[in-house]
Structure formats: structure tokens, C-alpha cells
């Protein structure tokens, strides 16, 4: 029987505090369950002894705090204005995960200037609490913000559903990342699928199109998250399905996803961490 992950037993071989693994969770279109994946993956990793910070980088349409039933007093807008520091806006979510909340309905945040983006990364660079994972919940599509935060990550998880529009838009995202920004490595996570057969069919279709039209693309299949009514119920309760229904099929899939992430080599070619991310972006 699967139980709700507990953040008690720390991993035996923990990476150094400076080597934070920076992963973006992204998608070509909205409505594919990206934020749900971030929340449950974070809880799954915490249950495996990992220290996790979620960065809600869907800056104008934030909802990670709503999904987890959190009520942050401050958000990224207060950080950008200089009113608050990063530590002051962070809120603690379930199982000890930290959340950097964004702000909803603020159009100006959807198109940050370069100095604002670098300012955010400088704050993260100076963050001195020990972390194992920084999960960036990007917006959907191929806007400048989405591209920027995907470039910041060492690894990119592309969430895709069986809908043709989702597959098409996921390919568009990958194409821009590969051709314009020379990012060639992507992890694919089919979501809201009716079993492993459909998940692998989605992955094969996306991979075959990319192989045909893009050079030197590397795609890895991370597993899948099944369509599950209990996940919908959990969202209505403002809880992660791993907490609300720990024995649900989707909950078991999220635990498997977290384990798969820990088995997957870090995508960084240099030493990992926020400092690595910050230096990379200064070169872009």
C-alpha cells in the first residue's frame, strides 16, 4: 500500500548544498496539468528526503499557492519592488517544501525586463538555505518569460496530454528551444492518459516528429500520470492528490516519477545550482 510521503528520512548520499538541481516543468499549451505535476512532484521528492523549493514562474497567472491551499501574505511583486527579500516572501507548503509565490492578474509581471529577471536570479543566487531541488513552474507557450526560465534550468520536463493541440504545441516549444537556443535535451511526461499504452504512443509521436525535423534532439520518457477523478477532487479540496488520496493511481505515479527523477543524471554540464543558472543566463 502506498502512503503519503513523509519528509523524515534524508537521502543517505545528499548532494552538496551548492549543487541544487534546477528543473523547469513546462508545456506548449495551458490546461495540461503542469502546476499539478509540480506540486505533487515536489511532495514526492520531499518524501524521498529531498529539500525542495518551488518557484512559481507563471508570473501573471500564479496558482501553485491556490492549488496547495496556501495564503501567502507577500509575493514576487513585493520582491521586485524591493519591499521584501526572497526569504520574506517564501511560504512553507506541505512536507516542508518551500514556495516562492507569484501574483495573479498583474499583466506587467507577464513580461519582465531583463534587469528584473536577472534581479530574481541574483536573489536566488544569494539564497543560503540548503536545497536539493529548485522546481520552476513556467508559464505555457513560447513567450519570452517561458523561454527565459526554461533556459535557466539544467533539465526541462515537458508535460503533454493526448490532445492533438497539446502535442503540436509541445513540439513547437521544443522546436524553439532547440533551434533558437540550442537546447537539445528534454524529458517528456504524458499526463491525463488512459494507461501506459496511450502514454507511450504520445511520446513516440512527439519523438518521431522531433527526430524527423530537428537535429540531435534527445528525449527521455519519464513515465506517465493517468487520468484520475481523485486528482480532480483533490484540486477542488486545494490539496495535492498525494496528500488527499495517497493510494490513488495518480499518487502512485507521482511517487514513481520522483524516483525516476532521482535516478536520472543531472543535465548540467557544469557544477549545478542556482549560481550555475545565473551565470548561464548572463551569457545569453
Foldseek 3Di string as FASTA:
>chain_A
DFAQQALDDADPDADDLFQAAEEEEAFLDPDLCRLLLVVLLCRLLSSHNFAEEEEALQAAAWCNCQLQVHDFPDAVVCCLVVNDAQVNRWDAGPNRHIYHTHYYHDVQSNDDDPVSVLSVLVSQVPDDDGGHYYYYHHYHRADPSRLLSNLLGLAYEYEAELDPVRLVSRLVNQVCCCPVVNDAEYEYEYEQAADDVSLVVSVVVSVVVCPVPPPNHHYHYLGYAHNDVLCVVSSVVSNRSCVVPVVTPRNVRSSSSSVSVVVDDGSDPDRHHSVVSSVSSVVD
